[in-house]
Amino acid sequence: MTLHLRISGRVQGVGYREAMCFEAERLGVTGWVRNRRDGTVEAVVQGASVTVDAIVAWARLGPPAARVTSVETRAAEGDLDRPYPDFRRLPSL
């Protein structure tokens, strides 16, 4: 299963990406995470449905300093729907 996420709220400058990388590694999820200029965080998460559901549940909370207001999820499409070997933090977009 591969999902494309957009996380909104106070999610930049609070260690969100690093914490998501740690959680993804702990769960065995692959994909990537990055900040966007509009203040959101974008991620693609891939794995078994149970682990993808777990990282999405984590994304709704984030690290302690974050204040997540919404997590939009949709099936990854096009270039995003491909195999990922690991979980990475990408440069901001």
PDB file of N, CA and C in Angstrom:
ATOM      1  N   MET A   1       0.846  -1.171   0.000  1.00  0.00           N
ATOM      2  CA  MET A   1       0.000   0.000   0.000  1.00  0.00           C
ATOM      3  C   MET A   1       0.896   1.240   0.000  1.00  0.00           C
ATOM      4  N   THR A   2       0.551   2.217  -0.839  1.00  0.00           N
ATOM      5  CA  THR A   2       1.312   3.463  -0.917  1.00  0.00           C
ATOM      6  C   THR A   2       0.349   4.635  -0.848  1.00  0.00           C
ATOM      7  N   LEU A   3       0.541   5.510   0.158  1.00  0.00           N
ATOM      8  CA  LEU A   3      -0.304   6.682   0.330  1.00  0.00           C
ATOM      9  C   LEU A   3       0.512   7.960   0.233  1.00  0.00           C
ATOM     10  N   HIS A   4      -0.149   8.992  -0.249  1.00  0.00           N
ATOM     11  CA  HIS A   4       0.422  10.341  -0.335  1.00  0.00           C
ATOM     12  C   HIS A   4      -0.271  11.163   0.755  1.00  0.00           C
ATOM     13  N   LEU A   5       0.513  11.776   1.641  1.00  0.00           N
ATOM     14  CA  LEU A   5      -0.035  12.528   2.771  1.00  0.00           C
ATOM     15  C   LEU A   5       0.293  14.007   2.652  1.00  0.00           C
ATOM     16  N   ARG A   6      -0.605  14.843   3.142  1.00  0.00           N
ATOM     17  CA  ARG A   6      -0.347  16.276   3.321  1.00  0.00           C
ATOM     18  C   ARG A   6      -0.766  16.600   4.747  1.00  0.00           C
ATOM     19  N   ILE A   7       0.186  17.022   5.572  1.00  0.00           N
ATOM     20  CA  ILE A   7      -0.046  17.265   6.985  1.00  0.00           C
ATOM     21  C   ILE A   7      -0.018  18.767   7.231  1.00  0.00           C
ATOM     22  N   SER A   8      -1.057  19.286   7.879  1.00  0.00           N
ATOM     23  CA  SER A   8      -1.185  20.716   8.143  1.00  0.00           C
ATOM     24  C   SER A   8      -1.197  20.988   9.641  1.00  0.00           C
ATOM     25  N   GLY A   9      -0.898  22.231   9.985  1.00  0.00           N
ATOM     26  CA  GLY A   9      -0.881  22.676  11.371  1.00  0.00           C
ATOM     27  C   GLY A   9       0.487  23.241  11.695  1.00  0.00           C
ATOM     28  N   ARG A  10       0.856  23.198  12.968  1.00  0.00           N
ATOM     29  CA  ARG A  10       2.219  23.606  13.348  1.00  0.00           C
ATOM     30  C   ARG A  10       3.103  22.365  13.211  1.00  0.00           C
ATOM     31  N   VAL A  11       3.617  22.178  11.988  1.00  0.00           N
ATOM     32  CA  VAL A  11       4.360  20.952  11.675  1.00  0.00           C
ATOM     33  C   VAL A  11       5.757  21.242  11.127  1.00  0.00           C
ATOM     34  N   GLN A  12       6.109  22.512  10.996  1.00  0.00           N
ATOM     35  CA  GLN A  12       7.468  22.855  10.580  1.00  0.00           C
ATOM     36  C   GLN A  12       8.178  23.536  11.753  1.00  0.00           C
ATOM     37  N   GLY A  13       9.470  23.252  11.877  1.00  0.00           N
ATOM     38  CA  GLY A  13      10.251  23.831  12.963  1.00  0.00           C
ATOM     39  C   GLY A  13      10.034  23.158  14.301  1.00  0.00           C
ATOM     40  N   VAL A  14       9.442  21.970  14.282  1.00  0.00           N
ATOM     41  CA  VAL A  14       9.153  21.249  15.530  1.00  0.00           C
ATOM     42  C   VAL A  14       9.721  19.826  15.519  1.00  0.00           C
ATOM     43  N   GLY A  15      10.573  19.525  14.544  1.00  0.00           N
ATOM     44  CA  GLY A  15      11.170  18.192  14.454  1.00  0.00           C
ATOM     45  C   GLY A  15      10.263  17.142  13.848  1.00  0.00           C
ATOM     46  N   TYR A  16       9.246  17.573  13.126  1.00  0.00           N
ATOM     47  CA  TYR A  16       8.268  16.632  12.569  1.00  0.00           C
ATOM     48  C   TYR A  16       8.922  15.643  11.612  1.00  0.00           C
ATOM     49  N   ARG A  17       9.722  16.143  10.665  1.00  0.00           N
ATOM     50  CA  ARG A  17      10.317  15.251   9.663  1.00  0.00           C
ATOM     51  C   ARG A  17      11.254  14.233  10.299  1.00  0.00           C
ATOM     52  N   GLU A  18      12.098  14.680  11.209  1.00  0.00           N
ATOM     53  CA  GLU A  18      13.021  13.748  11.867  1.00  0.00           C
ATOM     54  C   GLU A  18      12.254  12.695  12.658  1.00  0.00           C
ATOM     55  N   ALA A  19      11.226  13.131  13.365  1.00  0.00           N
ATOM     56  CA  ALA A  19      10.427  12.182  14.145  1.00  0.00           C
ATOM     57  C   ALA A  19       9.701  11.195  13.236  1.00  0.00           C
ATOM     58  N   MET A  20       9.218  11.677  12.084  1.00  0.00           N
ATOM     59  CA  MET A  20       8.547  10.776  11.150  1.00  0.00           C
ATOM     60  C   MET A  20       9.533   9.763  10.579  1.00  0.00           C
ATOM     61  N   CYS A  21      10.749  10.190  10.289  1.00  0.00           N
ATOM     62  CA  CYS A  21      11.774   9.260   9.805  1.00  0.00           C
ATOM     63  C   CYS A  21      12.028   8.167  10.840  1.00  0.00           C
ATOM     64  N   PHE A  22      12.147   8.549  12.098  1.00  0.00           N
ATOM     65  CA  PHE A  22      12.376   7.586  13.170  1.00  0.00           C
ATOM     66  C   PHE A  22      11.207   6.609  13.276  1.00  0.00           C
ATOM     67  N   GLU A  23       9.987   7.132  13.244  1.00  0.00           N
ATOM     68  CA  GLU A  23       8.801   6.274  13.366  1.00  0.00           C
ATOM     69  C   GLU A  23       8.668   5.345  12.160  1.00  0.00           C
ATOM     70  N   ALA A  24       8.935   5.858  10.968  1.00  0.00           N
ATOM     71  CA  ALA A  24       8.863   5.023   9.768  1.00  0.00           C
ATOM     72  C   ALA A  24       9.873   3.887   9.846  1.00  0.00           C
ATOM     73  N   GLU A  25      11.079   4.194  10.292  1.00  0.00           N
ATOM     74  CA  GLU A  25      12.095   3.149  10.423  1.00  0.00           C
ATOM     75  C   GLU A  25      11.669   2.112  11.461  1.00  0.00           C
ATOM     76  N   ARG A  26      11.122   2.586  12.569  1.00  0.00           N
ATOM     77  CA  ARG A  26      10.664   1.674  13.627  1.00  0.00           C
ATOM     78  C   ARG A  26       9.580   0.737  13.111  1.00  0.00           C
ATOM     79  N   LEU A  27       8.683   1.265  12.276  1.00  0.00           N
ATOM     80  CA  LEU A  27       7.567   0.465  11.758  1.00  0.00           C
ATOM     81  C   LEU A  27       7.915  -0.342  10.514  1.00  0.00           C
ATOM     82  N   GLY A  28       9.032  -0.020   9.868  1.00  0.00           N
ATOM     83  CA  GLY A  28       9.385  -0.700   8.624  1.00  0.00           C
ATOM     84  C   GLY A  28       8.677  -0.114   7.411  1.00  0.00           C
ATOM     85  N   VAL A  29       8.294   1.168   7.500  1.00  0.00           N
ATOM     86  CA  VAL A  29       7.630   1.866   6.401  1.00  0.00           C
ATOM     87  C   VAL A  29       8.698   2.507   5.521  1.00  0.00           C
ATOM     88  N   THR A  30       8.484   2.504   4.210  1.00  0.00           N
ATOM     89  CA  THR A  30       9.390   3.173   3.274  1.00  0.00           C
ATOM     90  C   THR A  30       8.692   4.383   2.670  1.00  0.00           C
ATOM     91  N   GLY A  31       9.479   5.226   1.977  1.00  0.00           N
ATOM     92  CA  GLY A  31       8.924   6.417   1.329  1.00  0.00           C
ATOM     93  C   GLY A  31       9.774   7.631   1.617  1.00  0.00           C
ATOM     94  N   TRP A  32       9.118   8.777   1.831  1.00  0.00           N
ATOM     95  CA  TRP A  32       9.857  10.015   2.098  1.00  0.00           C
ATOM     96  C   TRP A  32       8.976  11.049   2.772  1.00  0.00           C
ATOM     97  N   VAL A  33       9.624  12.105   3.305  1.00  0.00           N
ATOM     98  CA  VAL A  33       8.931  13.223   3.932  1.00  0.00           C
ATOM     99  C   VAL A  33       9.687  14.504   3.588  1.00  0.00           C
ATOM    100  N   ARG A  34       8.953  15.623   3.436  1.00  0.00           N
ATOM    101  CA  ARG A  34       9.596  16.916   3.185  1.00  0.00           C
ATOM    102  C   ARG A  34       8.666  18.061   3.590  1.00  0.00           C
ATOM    103  N   ASN A  35       9.278  19.209   3.889  1.00  0.00           N
ATOM    104  CA  ASN A  35       8.528  20.438   4.125  1.00  0.00           C
ATOM    105  C   ASN A  35       8.135  21.043   2.788  1.00  0.00           C
ATOM    106  N   ARG A  36       7.006  21.758   2.805  1.00  0.00           N
ATOM    107  CA  ARG A  36       6.581  22.517   1.627  1.00  0.00           C
ATOM    108  C   ARG A  36       6.546  23.998   1.990  1.00  0.00           C
ATOM    109  N   ARG A  37       6.713  24.829   0.983  1.00  0.00           N
ATOM    110  CA  ARG A  37       6.745  26.285   1.209  1.00  0.00           C
ATOM    111  C   ARG A  37       5.462  26.825   1.831  1.00  0.00           C
ATOM    112  N   ASP A  38       4.350  26.124   1.637  1.00  0.00           N
ATOM    113  CA  ASP A  38       3.075  26.607   2.182  1.00  0.00           C
ATOM    114  C   ASP A  38       2.902  26.295   3.670  1.00  0.00           C
ATOM    115  N   GLY A  39       3.938  25.724   4.301  1.00  0.00           N
ATOM    116  CA  GLY A  39       3.879  25.429   5.733  1.00  0.00           C
ATOM    117  C   GLY A  39       3.415  24.036   6.080  1.00  0.00           C
ATOM    118  N   THR A  40       3.046  23.249   5.071  1.00  0.00           N
ATOM    119  CA  THR A  40       2.632  21.871   5.328  1.00  0.00           C
ATOM    120  C   THR A  40       3.832  20.936   5.219  1.00  0.00           C
ATOM    121  N   VAL A  41       3.615  19.703   5.625  1.00  0.00           N
ATOM    122  CA  VAL A  41       4.573  18.623   5.421  1.00  0.00           C
ATOM    123  C   VAL A  41       3.919  17.635   4.477  1.00  0.00           C
ATOM    124  N   GLU A  42       4.698  17.157   3.511  1.00  0.00           N
ATOM    125  CA  GLU A  42       4.226  16.187   2.527  1.00  0.00           C
ATOM    126  C   GLU A  42       4.998  14.895   2.730  1.00  0.00           C
ATOM    127  N   ALA A  43       4.323  13.769   2.575  1.00  0.00           N
ATOM    128  CA  ALA A  43       4.994  12.480   2.731  1.00  0.00           C
ATOM    129  C   ALA A  43       4.362  11.447   1.809  1.00  0.00           C
ATOM    130  N   VAL A  44       5.165  10.478   1.423  1.00  0.00           N
ATOM    131  CA  VAL A  44       4.681   9.268   0.767  1.00  0.00           C
ATOM    132  C   VAL A  44       5.098   8.117   1.680  1.00  0.00           C
ATOM    133  N   VAL A  45       4.133   7.290   2.043  1.00  0.00           N
ATOM    134  CA  VAL A  45       4.396   6.172   2.941  1.00  0.00           C
ATOM    135  C   VAL A  45       3.979   4.879   2.253  1.00  0.00           C
ATOM    136  N   GLN A  46       4.817   3.854   2.420  1.00  0.00           N
ATOM    137  CA  GLN A  46       4.580   2.586   1.716  1.00  0.00           C
ATOM    138  C   GLN A  46       4.903   1.420   2.633  1.00  0.00           C
ATOM    139  N   GLY A  47       4.061   0.407   2.557  1.00  0.00           N
ATOM    140  CA  GLY A  47       4.290  -0.796   3.350  1.00  0.00           C
ATOM    141  C   GLY A  47       3.011  -1.615   3.416  1.00  0.00           C
ATOM    142  N   ALA A  48       3.021  -2.586   4.313  1.00  0.00           N
ATOM    143  CA  ALA A  48       1.821  -3.383   4.556  1.00  0.00           C
ATOM    144  C   ALA A  48       0.729  -2.472   5.113  1.00  0.00           C
ATOM    145  N   SER A  49      -0.518  -2.798   4.862  1.00  0.00           N
ATOM    146  CA  SER A  49      -1.603  -1.914   5.280  1.00  0.00           C
ATOM    147  C   SER A  49      -1.579  -1.618   6.775  1.00  0.00           C
ATOM    148  N   VAL A  50      -1.222  -2.584   7.593  1.00  0.00           N
ATOM    149  CA  VAL A  50      -1.195  -2.354   9.041  1.00  0.00           C
ATOM    150  C   VAL A  50      -0.115  -1.337   9.427  1.00  0.00           C
ATOM    151  N   THR A  51       1.050  -1.377   8.763  1.00  0.00           N
ATOM    152  CA  THR A  51       2.105  -0.421   9.097  1.00  0.00           C
ATOM    153  C   THR A  51       1.816   0.953   8.513  1.00  0.00           C
ATOM    154  N   VAL A  52       1.210   0.998   7.329  1.00  0.00           N
ATOM    155  CA  VAL A  52       0.829   2.288   6.753  1.00  0.00           C
ATOM    156  C   VAL A  52      -0.251   2.936   7.618  1.00  0.00           C
ATOM    157  N   ASP A  53      -1.223   2.149   8.072  1.00  0.00           N
ATOM    158  CA  ASP A  53      -2.241   2.691   8.980  1.00  0.00           C
ATOM    159  C   ASP A  53      -1.602   3.232  10.253  1.00  0.00           C
ATOM    160  N   ALA A  54      -0.577   2.543  10.753  1.00  0.00           N
ATOM    161  CA  ALA A  54       0.103   2.981  11.980  1.00  0.00           C
ATOM    162  C   ALA A  54       0.849   4.293  11.777  1.00  0.00           C
ATOM    163  N   ILE A  55       1.530   4.469  10.644  1.00  0.00           N
ATOM    164  CA  ILE A  55       2.259   5.730  10.416  1.00  0.00           C
ATOM    165  C   ILE A  55       1.274   6.871  10.169  1.00  0.00           C
ATOM    166  N   VAL A  56       0.139   6.601   9.539  1.00  0.00           N
ATOM    167  CA  VAL A  56      -0.882   7.642   9.356  1.00  0.00           C
ATOM    168  C   VAL A  56      -1.456   8.049  10.720  1.00  0.00           C
ATOM    169  N   ALA A  57      -1.704   7.095  11.588  1.00  0.00           N
ATOM    170  CA  ALA A  57      -2.183   7.415  12.941  1.00  0.00           C
ATOM    171  C   ALA A  57      -1.146   8.258  13.676  1.00  0.00           C
ATOM    172  N   TRP A  58       0.137   7.903  13.544  1.00  0.00           N
ATOM    173  CA  TRP A  58       1.201   8.695  14.164  1.00  0.00           C
ATOM    174  C   TRP A  58       1.216  10.108  13.564  1.00  0.00           C
ATOM    175  N   ALA A  59       1.060  10.228  12.232  1.00  0.00           N
ATOM    176  CA  ALA A  59       1.098  11.530  11.557  1.00  0.00           C
ATOM    177  C   ALA A  59       0.022  12.469  12.097  1.00  0.00           C
ATOM    178  N   ARG A  60      -1.097  11.936  12.543  1.00  0.00           N
ATOM    179  CA  ARG A  60      -2.171  12.768  13.083  1.00  0.00           C
ATOM    180  C   ARG A  60      -1.785  13.405  14.416  1.00  0.00           C
ATOM    181  N   LEU A  61      -0.786  12.847  15.084  1.00  0.00           N
ATOM    182  CA  LEU A  61      -0.290  13.390  16.360  1.00  0.00           C
ATOM    183  C   LEU A  61       1.053  14.094  16.184  1.00  0.00           C
ATOM    184  N   GLY A  62       1.985  13.441  15.497  1.00  0.00           N
ATOM    185  CA  GLY A  62       3.323  13.995  15.309  1.00  0.00           C
ATOM    186  C   GLY A  62       4.113  14.004  16.602  1.00  0.00           C
ATOM    187  N   PRO A  63       5.275  14.668  16.598  1.00  0.00           N
ATOM    188  CA  PRO A  63       6.089  14.763  17.799  1.00  0.00           C
ATOM    189  C   PRO A  63       5.436  15.709  18.816  1.00  0.00           C
ATOM    190  N   PRO A  64       5.925  15.728  20.053  1.00  0.00           N
ATOM    191  CA  PRO A  64       5.271  16.515  21.105  1.00  0.00           C
ATOM    192  C   PRO A  64       5.063  17.998  20.789  1.00  0.00           C
ATOM    193  N   ALA A  65       5.988  18.657  20.111  1.00  0.00           N
ATOM    194  CA  ALA A  65       5.865  20.098  19.851  1.00  0.00           C
ATOM    195  C   ALA A  65       4.925  20.417  18.692  1.00  0.00           C
ATOM    196  N   ALA A  66       4.537  19.430  17.916  1.00  0.00           N
ATOM    197  CA  ALA A  66       3.659  19.660  16.759  1.00  0.00           C
ATOM    198  C   ALA A  66       2.213  19.836  17.208  1.00  0.00           C
ATOM    199  N   ARG A  67       1.457  20.546  16.401  1.00  0.00           N
ATOM    200  CA  ARG A  67       0.012  20.681  16.578  1.00  0.00           C
ATOM    201  C   ARG A  67      -0.622  20.418  15.222  1.00  0.00           C
ATOM    202  N   VAL A  68      -0.931  19.164  14.965  1.00  0.00           N
ATOM    203  CA  VAL A  68      -1.481  18.758  13.672  1.00  0.00           C
ATOM    204  C   VAL A  68      -2.968  19.104  13.631  1.00  0.00           C
ATOM    205  N   THR A  69      -3.372  19.811  12.573  1.00  0.00           N
ATOM    206  CA  THR A  69      -4.786  20.146  12.409  1.00  0.00           C
ATOM    207  C   THR A  69      -5.482  19.248  11.397  1.00  0.00           C
ATOM    208  N   SER A  70      -4.717  18.715  10.421  1.00  0.00           N
ATOM    209  CA  SER A  70      -5.323  17.781   9.467  1.00  0.00           C
ATOM    210  C   SER A  70      -4.250  16.956   8.771  1.00  0.00           C
ATOM    211  N   VAL A  71      -4.661  15.764   8.372  1.00  0.00           N
ATOM    212  CA  VAL A  71      -3.832  14.883   7.553  1.00  0.00           C
ATOM    213  C   VAL A  71      -4.703  14.426   6.396  1.00  0.00           C
ATOM    214  N   GLU A  72      -4.363  14.911   5.207  1.00  0.00           N
ATOM    215  CA  GLU A  72      -5.070  14.479   4.001  1.00  0.00           C
ATOM    216  C   GLU A  72      -4.353  13.245   3.471  1.00  0.00           C
ATOM    217  N   THR A  73      -5.097  12.205   3.169  1.00  0.00           N
ATOM    218  CA  THR A  73      -4.505  10.984   2.620  1.00  0.00           C
ATOM    219  C   THR A  73      -5.186  10.642   1.310  1.00  0.00           C
ATOM    220  N   ARG A  74      -4.387  10.168   0.374  1.00  0.00           N
ATOM    221  CA  ARG A  74      -4.924   9.670  -0.894  1.00  0.00           C
ATOM    222  C   ARG A  74      -3.950   8.626  -1.429  1.00  0.00           C
ATOM    223  N   ALA A  75      -4.452   7.784  -2.292  1.00  0.00           N
ATOM    224  CA  ALA A  75      -3.592   6.778  -2.919  1.00  0.00           C
ATOM    225  C   ALA A  75      -2.535   7.496  -3.749  1.00  0.00           C
ATOM    226  N   ALA A  76      -1.299   7.031  -3.657  1.00  0.00           N
ATOM    227  CA  ALA A  76      -0.220   7.601  -4.462  1.00  0.00           C
ATOM    228  C   ALA A  76      -0.483   7.271  -5.925  1.00  0.00           C
ATOM    229  N   GLU A  77      -0.240   8.275  -6.780  1.00  0.00           N
ATOM    230  CA  GLU A  77      -0.478   8.092  -8.211  1.00  0.00           C
ATOM    231  C   GLU A  77       0.737   8.516  -9.006  1.00  0.00           C
ATOM    232  N   GLY A  78       0.801   8.085 -10.254  1.00  0.00           N
ATOM    233  CA  GLY A  78       1.867   8.503 -11.160  1.00  0.00           C
ATOM    234  C   GLY A  78       3.249   8.131 -10.652  1.00  0.00           C
ATOM    235  N   ASP A  79       4.168   9.098 -10.702  1.00  0.00           N
ATOM    236  CA  ASP A  79       5.549   8.856 -10.278  1.00  0.00           C
ATOM    237  C   ASP A  79       5.672   8.517  -8.801  1.00  0.00           C
ATOM    238  N   LEU A  80       4.681   8.882  -7.991  1.00  0.00           N
ATOM    239  CA  LEU A  80       4.733   8.585  -6.558  1.00  0.00           C
ATOM    240  C   LEU A  80       4.430   7.121  -6.255  1.00  0.00           C
ATOM    241  N   ASP A  81       3.758   6.449  -7.173  1.00  0.00           N
ATOM    242  CA  ASP A  81       3.371   5.055  -6.967  1.00  0.00           C
ATOM    243  C   ASP A  81       4.436   4.136  -7.556  1.00  0.00           C
ATOM    244  N   ARG A  82       5.505   3.958  -6.790  1.00  0.00           N
ATOM    245  CA  ARG A  82       6.633   3.118  -7.203  1.00  0.00           C
ATOM    246  C   ARG A  82       7.265   2.533  -5.952  1.00  0.00           C
ATOM    247  N   PRO A  83       8.117   1.536  -6.082  1.00  0.00           N
ATOM    248  CA  PRO A  83       8.758   0.961  -4.900  1.00  0.00           C
ATOM    249  C   PRO A  83       9.780   1.938  -4.291  1.00  0.00           C
ATOM    250  N   TYR A  84       9.815   1.996  -2.964  1.00  0.00           N
ATOM    251  CA  TYR A  84      10.792   2.798  -2.225  1.00  0.00           C
ATOM    252  C   TYR A  84      11.653   1.851  -1.390  1.00  0.00           C
ATOM    253  N   PRO A  85      12.980   1.982  -1.472  1.00  0.00           N
ATOM    254  CA  PRO A  85      13.861   1.056  -0.754  1.00  0.00           C
ATOM    255  C   PRO A  85      13.996   1.359   0.734  1.00  0.00           C
ATOM    256  N   ASP A  86      13.730   2.632   1.123  1.00  0.00           N
ATOM    257  CA  ASP A  86      13.897   3.039   2.528  1.00  0.00           C
ATOM    258  C   ASP A  86      13.053   4.282   2.749  1.00  0.00           C
ATOM    259  N   PHE A  87      13.202   4.913   3.913  1.00  0.00           N
ATOM    260  CA  PHE A  87      12.478   6.142   4.202  1.00  0.00           C
ATOM    261  C   PHE A  87      13.476   7.275   4.287  1.00  0.00           C
ATOM    262  N   ARG A  88      13.212   8.362   3.544  1.00  0.00           N
ATOM    263  CA  ARG A  88      14.166   9.472   3.458  1.00  0.00           C
ATOM    264  C   ARG A  88      13.517  10.806   3.740  1.00  0.00           C
ATOM    265  N   ARG A  89      14.343  11.708   4.187  1.00  0.00           N
ATOM    266  CA  ARG A  89      13.942  13.117   4.331  1.00  0.00           C
ATOM    267  C   ARG A  89      14.429  13.828   3.094  1.00  0.00           C
ATOM    268  N   LEU A  90      13.505  14.356   2.300  1.00  0.00           N
ATOM    269  CA  LEU A  90      13.868  15.063   1.068  1.00  0.00           C
ATOM    270  C   LEU A  90      14.009  16.554   1.336  1.00  0.00           C
ATOM    271  N   PRO A  91      14.728  17.267   0.459  1.00  0.00           N
ATOM    272  CA  PRO A  91      14.821  18.723   0.596  1.00  0.00           C
ATOM    273  C   PRO A  91      13.432  19.368   0.493  1.00  0.00           C
ATOM    274  N   SER A  92      13.287  20.506   1.120  1.00  0.00           N
ATOM    275  CA  SER A  92      12.019  21.233   1.076  1.00  0.00           C
ATOM    276  C   SER A  92      11.666  21.593  -0.367  1.00  0.00           C
ATOM    277  N   LEU A  93      10.379  21.720  -0.606  1.00  0.00           N
ATOM    278  CA  LEU A  93       9.877  22.053  -1.946  1.00  0.00           C
ATOM    279  C   LEU A  93       9.114  23.359  -1.873  1.00  0.00           C
TER     280      LEU A  93
END
